[in-house]
PDB file of N, CA and C in Angstrom:
ATOM      1  N   MET A   1     -11.364 -12.947  -2.640  1.00  0.00           N
ATOM      2  CA  MET A   1     -11.753 -11.654  -2.668  1.00  0.00           C
ATOM      3  C   MET A   1     -10.931 -10.981  -4.089  1.00  0.00           C
ATOM      4  N   ALA A   2     -11.915  -9.788  -3.735  1.00  0.00           N
ATOM      5  CA  ALA A   2     -11.901  -8.272  -4.700  1.00  0.00           C
ATOM      6  C   ALA A   2     -10.850  -7.622  -4.684  1.00  0.00           C
ATOM      7  N   LYS A   3      -9.845  -7.303  -5.485  1.00  0.00           N
ATOM      8  CA  LYS A   3      -8.954  -6.299  -5.013  1.00  0.00           C
ATOM      9  C   LYS A   3      -9.251  -4.629  -4.945  1.00  0.00           C
ATOM     10  N   GLN A   4      -9.223  -4.263  -3.553  1.00  0.00           N
ATOM     11  CA  GLN A   4      -9.545  -2.811  -3.456  1.00  0.00           C
ATOM     12  C   GLN A   4      -8.757  -1.796  -3.136  1.00  0.00           C
ATOM     13  N   LEU A   5      -8.469  -0.776  -3.456  1.00  0.00           N
ATOM     14  CA  LEU A   5      -8.158   0.708  -2.816  1.00  0.00           C
ATOM     15  C   LEU A   5      -8.663   1.137  -2.109  1.00  0.00           C
ATOM     16  N   VAL A   6      -8.568   1.258  -0.543  1.00  0.00           N
ATOM     17  CA  VAL A   6      -9.701   1.495   0.160  1.00  0.00           C
ATOM     18  C   VAL A   6      -9.141   3.216   0.610  1.00  0.00           C
ATOM     19  N   VAL A   7      -9.663   4.513   0.202  1.00  0.00           N
ATOM     20  CA  VAL A   7      -9.098   5.530   0.387  1.00  0.00           C
ATOM     21  C   VAL A   7      -9.895   6.474   1.162  1.00  0.00           C
ATOM     22  N   ARG A   8      -9.582   7.218   2.152  1.00  0.00           N
ATOM     23  CA  ARG A   8     -10.076   7.991   3.052  1.00  0.00           C
ATOM     24  C   ARG A   8      -9.460   9.407   3.561  1.00  0.00           C
ATOM     25  N   LEU A   9     -10.205  10.290   3.214  1.00  0.00           N
ATOM     26  CA  LEU A   9      -9.864  11.368   3.005  1.00  0.00           C
ATOM     27  C   LEU A   9     -10.344  12.078   4.757  1.00  0.00           C
ATOM     28  N   ARG A  10      -9.509  12.671   5.272  1.00  0.00           N
ATOM     29  CA  ARG A  10      -9.499  13.083   7.057  1.00  0.00           C
ATOM     30  C   ARG A  10      -9.891  14.943   6.821  1.00  0.00           C
ATOM     31  N   ALA A  11     -10.590  15.314   7.795  1.00  0.00           N
ATOM     32  CA  ALA A  11     -11.225  16.147   8.140  1.00  0.00           C
ATOM     33  C   ALA A  11     -10.080  17.099   7.825  1.00  0.00           C
ATOM     34  N   ASP A  12      -8.718  16.700   8.075  1.00  0.00           N
ATOM     35  CA  ASP A  12      -7.380  17.668   8.305  1.00  0.00           C
ATOM     36  C   ASP A  12      -6.655  17.736   6.649  1.00  0.00           C
ATOM     37  N   GLY A  13      -7.523  16.963   6.017  1.00  0.00           N
ATOM     38  CA  GLY A  13      -7.035  17.113   4.438  1.00  0.00           C
ATOM     39  C   GLY A  13      -5.827  16.092   4.103  1.00  0.00           C
ATOM     40  N   THR A  14      -5.563  15.179   5.214  1.00  0.00           N
ATOM     41  CA  THR A  14      -4.679  13.885   4.907  1.00  0.00           C
ATOM     42  C   THR A  14      -5.500  12.464   4.371  1.00  0.00           C
ATOM     43  N   VAL A  15      -4.581  12.028   3.633  1.00  0.00           N
ATOM     44  CA  VAL A  15      -5.758  10.992   2.797  1.00  0.00           C
ATOM     45  C   VAL A  15      -4.644   9.696   3.649  1.00  0.00           C
ATOM     46  N   ASP A  16      -5.567   8.924   3.887  1.00  0.00           N
ATOM     47  CA  ASP A  16      -5.230   7.401   3.952  1.00  0.00           C
ATOM     48  C   ASP A  16      -5.544   6.155   3.146  1.00  0.00           C
ATOM     49  N   ALA A  17      -4.565   5.215   2.575  1.00  0.00           N
ATOM     50  CA  ALA A  17      -5.119   4.213   1.951  1.00  0.00           C
ATOM     51  C   ALA A  17      -4.742   2.883   2.291  1.00  0.00           C
ATOM     52  N   GLU A  18      -5.493   1.868   1.604  1.00  0.00           N
ATOM     53  CA  GLU A  18      -4.979   0.833   2.185  1.00  0.00           C
ATOM     54  C   GLU A  18      -5.492   0.018   0.598  1.00  0.00           C
ATOM     55  N   THR A  19      -4.792  -1.285   0.796  1.00  0.00           N
ATOM     56  CA  THR A  19      -5.077  -2.204  -0.664  1.00  0.00           C
ATOM     57  C   THR A  19      -5.778  -3.581  -0.016  1.00  0.00           C
ATOM     58  N   ILE A  20      -6.508  -4.003  -0.207  1.00  0.00           N
ATOM     59  CA  ILE A  20      -6.888  -5.415   0.217  1.00  0.00           C
ATOM     60  C   ILE A  20      -7.485  -5.922  -0.967  1.00  0.00           C
ATOM     61  N   GLY A  21      -6.784  -7.267  -0.578  1.00  0.00           N
ATOM     62  CA  GLY A  21      -6.769  -8.098  -1.787  1.00  0.00           C
ATOM     63  C   GLY A  21      -5.743  -8.863  -2.943  1.00  0.00           C
ATOM     64  N   MET A  22      -4.556  -7.775  -2.532  1.00  0.00           N
ATOM     65  CA  MET A  22      -3.769  -7.262  -3.036  1.00  0.00           C
ATOM     66  C   MET A  22      -2.432  -8.339  -2.649  1.00  0.00           C
ATOM     67  N   HIS A  23      -1.414  -9.133  -3.486  1.00  0.00           N
ATOM     68  CA  HIS A  23      -0.649  -9.569  -3.014  1.00  0.00           C
ATOM     69  C   HIS A  23       0.486  -9.282  -3.342  1.00  0.00           C
ATOM     70  N   GLY A  24       1.744  -9.180  -2.363  1.00  0.00           N
ATOM     71  CA  GLY A  24       3.156  -8.880  -2.849  1.00  0.00           C
ATOM     72  C   GLY A  24       3.199  -7.961  -3.393  1.00  0.00           C
ATOM     73  N   PRO A  25       4.311  -7.084  -4.505  1.00  0.00           N
ATOM     74  CA  PRO A  25       4.606  -5.803  -4.699  1.00  0.00           C
ATOM     75  C   PRO A  25       3.263  -4.965  -5.501  1.00  0.00           C
ATOM     76  N   GLU A  26       2.107  -5.561  -5.906  1.00  0.00           N
ATOM     77  CA  GLU A  26       1.263  -5.355  -6.672  1.00  0.00           C
ATOM     78  C   GLU A  26       0.924  -4.271  -6.178  1.00  0.00           C
ATOM     79  N   CYS A  27       0.798  -3.966  -4.723  1.00  0.00           N
ATOM     80  CA  CYS A  27      -0.336  -2.848  -4.459  1.00  0.00           C
ATOM     81  C   CYS A  27       0.776  -1.812  -4.578  1.00  0.00           C
ATOM     82  N   LEU A  28       1.702  -1.469  -4.755  1.00  0.00           N
ATOM     83  CA  LEU A  28       2.426  -0.505  -4.934  1.00  0.00           C
ATOM     84  C   LEU A  28       2.419   0.434  -5.889  1.00  0.00           C
ATOM     85  N   ASP A  29       2.083  -0.656  -7.084  1.00  0.00           N
ATOM     86  CA  ASP A  29       1.441   0.079  -8.296  1.00  0.00           C
ATOM     87  C   ASP A  29       0.347   0.960  -7.936  1.00  0.00           C
ATOM     88  N   HIS A  30      -0.502   0.766  -7.406  1.00  0.00           N
ATOM     89  CA  HIS A  30      -2.094   0.911  -7.147  1.00  0.00           C
ATOM     90  C   HIS A  30      -1.386   2.397  -6.502  1.00  0.00           C
ATOM     91  N   ILE A  31      -0.490   2.439  -5.434  1.00  0.00           N
ATOM     92  CA  ILE A  31      -0.191   3.602  -4.728  1.00  0.00           C
ATOM     93  C   ILE A  31       0.303   4.388  -5.075  1.00  0.00           C
ATOM     94  N   GLU A  32       1.218   4.116  -6.375  1.00  0.00           N
ATOM     95  CA  GLU A  32       1.855   5.237  -7.186  1.00  0.00           C
ATOM     96  C   GLU A  32       1.033   5.939  -7.951  1.00  0.00           C
ATOM     97  N   ALA A  33      -0.142   5.121  -7.935  1.00  0.00           N
ATOM     98  CA  ALA A  33      -1.028   5.914  -8.912  1.00  0.00           C
ATOM     99  C   ALA A  33      -2.144   6.509  -8.720  1.00  0.00           C
ATOM    100  N   LEU A  34      -2.279   6.273  -7.081  1.00  0.00           N
ATOM    101  CA  LEU A  34      -3.014   7.293  -6.270  1.00  0.00           C
ATOM    102  C   LEU A  34      -2.189   8.295  -6.156  1.00  0.00           C
ATOM    103  N   GLU A  35      -0.843   8.558  -5.500  1.00  0.00           N
ATOM    104  CA  GLU A  35      -0.172   9.276  -5.618  1.00  0.00           C
ATOM    105  C   GLU A  35       0.277  10.642  -6.857  1.00  0.00           C
ATOM    106  N   ALA A  36      -0.123   9.947  -8.069  1.00  0.00           N
ATOM    107  CA  ALA A  36       0.035  10.764  -9.038  1.00  0.00           C
ATOM    108  C   ALA A  36      -1.285  11.366  -9.179  1.00  0.00           C
ATOM    109  N   LEU A  37      -2.473  10.733  -9.124  1.00  0.00           N
ATOM    110  CA  LEU A  37      -3.526  11.492  -9.266  1.00  0.00           C
ATOM    111  C   LEU A  37      -3.838  12.510  -8.156  1.00  0.00           C
ATOM    112  N   LEU A  38      -3.379  12.397  -7.311  1.00  0.00           N
ATOM    113  CA  LEU A  38      -3.505  13.784  -6.119  1.00  0.00           C
ATOM    114  C   LEU A  38      -2.296  14.341  -5.966  1.00  0.00           C
ATOM    115  N   ASP A  39      -1.582  13.981  -6.669  1.00  0.00           N
ATOM    116  CA  ASP A  39      -0.206  15.030  -6.623  1.00  0.00           C
ATOM    117  C   ASP A  39       0.481  14.962  -5.514  1.00  0.00           C
ATOM    118  N   ALA A  40       0.406  13.770  -4.567  1.00  0.00           N
ATOM    119  CA  ALA A  40       0.910  13.830  -3.479  1.00  0.00           C
ATOM    120  C   ALA A  40       1.924  12.963  -3.080  1.00  0.00           C
ATOM    121  N   GLU A  41       2.515  12.994  -1.923  1.00  0.00           N
ATOM    122  CA  GLU A  41       3.775  12.115  -1.581  1.00  0.00           C
ATOM    123  C   GLU A  41       3.305  11.143  -0.649  1.00  0.00           C
ATOM    124  N   THR A  42       3.632   9.957  -0.484  1.00  0.00           N
ATOM    125  CA  THR A  42       3.575   9.128   0.947  1.00  0.00           C
ATOM    126  C   THR A  42       4.512   9.797   1.569  1.00  0.00           C
ATOM    127  N   VAL A  43       3.998   9.670   3.150  1.00  0.00           N
ATOM    128  CA  VAL A  43       4.905  10.081   4.378  1.00  0.00           C
ATOM    129  C   VAL A  43       5.068   9.079   5.222  1.00  0.00           C
ATOM    130  N   SER A  44       4.140   7.903   5.523  1.00  0.00           N
ATOM    131  CA  SER A  44       4.539   6.943   6.389  1.00  0.00           C
ATOM    132  C   SER A  44       3.567   5.729   5.253  1.00  0.00           C
ATOM    133  N   SER A  45       4.244   4.666   5.664  1.00  0.00           N
ATOM    134  CA  SER A  45       3.798   3.090   5.158  1.00  0.00           C
ATOM    135  C   SER A  45       4.005   1.770   5.976  1.00  0.00           C
ATOM    136  N   SER A  46       3.148   0.901   5.788  1.00  0.00           N
ATOM    137  CA  SER A  46       3.593  -0.218   6.156  1.00  0.00           C
ATOM    138  C   SER A  46       3.293  -1.608   5.234  1.00  0.00           C
ATOM    139  N   PHE A  47       3.492  -2.514   5.109  1.00  0.00           N
ATOM    140  CA  PHE A  47       3.206  -3.596   4.546  1.00  0.00           C
ATOM    141  C   PHE A  47       2.127  -4.209   5.242  1.00  0.00           C
ATOM    142  N   THR A  48       1.126  -4.743   4.813  1.00  0.00           N
ATOM    143  CA  THR A  48      -0.077  -5.365   5.251  1.00  0.00           C
ATOM    144  C   THR A  48       0.666  -7.135   5.095  1.00  0.00           C
ATOM    145  N   GLU A  49      -0.294  -8.065   6.000  1.00  0.00           N
ATOM    146  CA  GLU A  49      -0.085  -9.544   5.702  1.00  0.00           C
ATOM    147  C   GLU A  49       0.232  -9.474   4.361  1.00  0.00           C
ATOM    148  N   ASP A  50      -0.755  -9.795   3.815  1.00  0.00           N
ATOM    149  CA  ASP A  50      -1.231  -9.906   2.201  1.00  0.00           C
ATOM    150  C   ASP A  50       0.318  -9.872   1.746  1.00  0.00           C
ATOM    151  N   TYR A  51       1.149  -9.097   2.348  1.00  0.00           N
ATOM    152  CA  TYR A  51       2.233  -8.396   1.024  1.00  0.00           C
ATOM    153  C   TYR A  51       3.392  -9.537   1.675  1.00  0.00           C
ATOM    154  N   THR A  52       3.754  -9.457   2.722  1.00  0.00           N
ATOM    155  CA  THR A  52       4.678 -10.642   3.735  1.00  0.00           C
ATOM    156  C   THR A  52       4.386 -11.654   3.285  1.00  0.00           C
ATOM    157  N   THR A  53       3.382 -12.016   3.125  1.00  0.00           N
ATOM    158  CA  THR A  53       2.908 -13.325   3.157  1.00  0.00           C
ATOM    159  C   THR A  53       3.504 -13.753   1.749  1.00  0.00           C
ATOM    160  N   ALA A  54       2.674 -12.912   0.648  1.00  0.00           N
ATOM    161  CA  ALA A  54       3.342 -13.678  -0.829  1.00  0.00           C
ATOM    162  C   ALA A  54       4.483 -13.218  -0.913  1.00  0.00           C
ATOM    163  N   SER A  55       5.366 -12.656   0.057  1.00  0.00           N
ATOM    164  CA  SER A  55       6.912 -12.358  -0.824  1.00  0.00           C
ATOM    165  C   SER A  55       7.237 -13.806   0.046  1.00  0.00           C
ATOM    166  N   VAL A  56       6.925 -14.133   1.105  1.00  0.00           N
ATOM    167  CA  VAL A  56       7.871 -15.170   1.675  1.00  0.00           C
ATOM    168  C   VAL A  56       7.385 -16.572   1.144  1.00  0.00           C
ATOM    169  N   GLN A  57       6.264 -16.796   0.428  1.00  0.00           N
ATOM    170  CA  GLN A  57       6.303 -17.686  -0.161  1.00  0.00           C
ATOM    171  C   GLN A  57       6.634 -17.665  -1.549  1.00  0.00           C
ATOM    172  N   GLY A  58       6.978 -16.470  -2.061  1.00  0.00           N
ATOM    173  CA  GLY A  58       7.617 -16.265  -3.552  1.00  0.00           C
ATOM    174  C   GLY A  58       9.020 -16.762  -2.890  1.00  0.00           C
ATOM    175  N   THR A  59      10.191 -15.788  -3.747  1.00  0.00           N
ATOM    176  CA  THR A  59      11.614 -16.218  -3.755  1.00  0.00           C
ATOM    177  C   THR A  59      12.286 -14.822  -2.619  1.00  0.00           C
ATOM    178  N   THR A  60      11.286 -14.069  -2.180  1.00  0.00           N
ATOM    179  CA  THR A  60      12.013 -13.115  -1.350  1.00  0.00           C
ATOM    180  C   THR A  60      11.084 -12.811  -0.006  1.00  0.00           C
ATOM    181  N   ALA A  61      11.883 -12.724   0.769  1.00  0.00           N
ATOM    182  CA  ALA A  61      11.452 -12.357   2.106  1.00  0.00           C
ATOM    183  C   ALA A  61      11.467 -11.034   2.696  1.00  0.00           C
ATOM    184  N   VAL A  62      10.890 -10.181   2.813  1.00  0.00           N
ATOM    185  CA  VAL A  62      11.016  -9.145   3.244  1.00  0.00           C
ATOM    186  C   VAL A  62      10.551  -8.395   4.835  1.00  0.00           C
ATOM    187  N   ASP A  63      10.770  -6.965   4.974  1.00  0.00           N
ATOM    188  CA  ASP A  63      10.447  -6.270   6.245  1.00  0.00           C
ATOM    189  C   ASP A  63       9.216  -6.064   6.208  1.00  0.00           C
ATOM    190  N   ALA A  64       8.301  -6.137   7.206  1.00  0.00           N
ATOM    191  CA  ALA A  64       7.115  -6.051   7.656  1.00  0.00           C
ATOM    192  C   ALA A  64       7.366  -4.187   7.146  1.00  0.00           C
ATOM    193  N   GLU A  65       8.014  -3.817   7.611  1.00  0.00           N
ATOM    194  CA  GLU A  65       7.430  -2.060   7.804  1.00  0.00           C
ATOM    195  C   GLU A  65       8.465  -1.602   6.155  1.00  0.00           C
ATOM    196  N   GLN A  66       8.254  -0.469   5.588  1.00  0.00           N
ATOM    197  CA  GLN A  66       8.733   0.443   4.534  1.00  0.00           C
ATOM    198  C   GLN A  66       8.185   1.663   4.657  1.00  0.00           C
ATOM    199  N   PRO A  67       9.357   2.459   5.132  1.00  0.00           N
ATOM    200  CA  PRO A  67       9.525   3.759   5.235  1.00  0.00           C
ATOM    201  C   PRO A  67       8.998   4.848   4.626  1.00  0.00           C
ATOM    202  N   ASP A  68       9.086   4.402   2.962  1.00  0.00           N
ATOM    203  CA  ASP A  68       8.149   5.602   2.191  1.00  0.00           C
ATOM    204  C   ASP A  68       7.384   4.716   1.555  1.00  0.00           C
ATOM    205  N   GLY A  69       5.935   4.958   1.759  1.00  0.00           N
ATOM    206  CA  GLY A  69       4.768   4.568   0.741  1.00  0.00           C
ATOM    207  C   GLY A  69       3.893   4.321   1.697  1.00  0.00           C
ATOM    208  N   LEU A  70       2.923   4.227   0.783  1.00  0.00           N
ATOM    209  CA  LEU A  70       1.348   3.910   1.665  1.00  0.00           C
ATOM    210  C   LEU A  70       1.231   2.579   1.920  1.00  0.00           C
ATOM    211  N   ARG A  71       0.100   2.535   2.960  1.00  0.00           N
ATOM    212  CA  ARG A  71       0.013   1.063   3.198  1.00  0.00           C
ATOM    213  C   ARG A  71      -0.887   0.356   2.065  1.00  0.00           C
TER     214      ARG A  71
END
């Protein structure tokens, strides 16, 4: 599957973003770039199954929730 960053601009001006096809912490780099482009700050986030699967298969197990960052 191709790597994607899906961005949704809502009517109230908030932005939702979701990474698809990225594994482990590589998605966080894309979210940081999006924050910089929008001059915005993440207010809530959670890791997808792709993030936790890659982390568990690697050397580090992680929690499924991240308080500060986008999905």
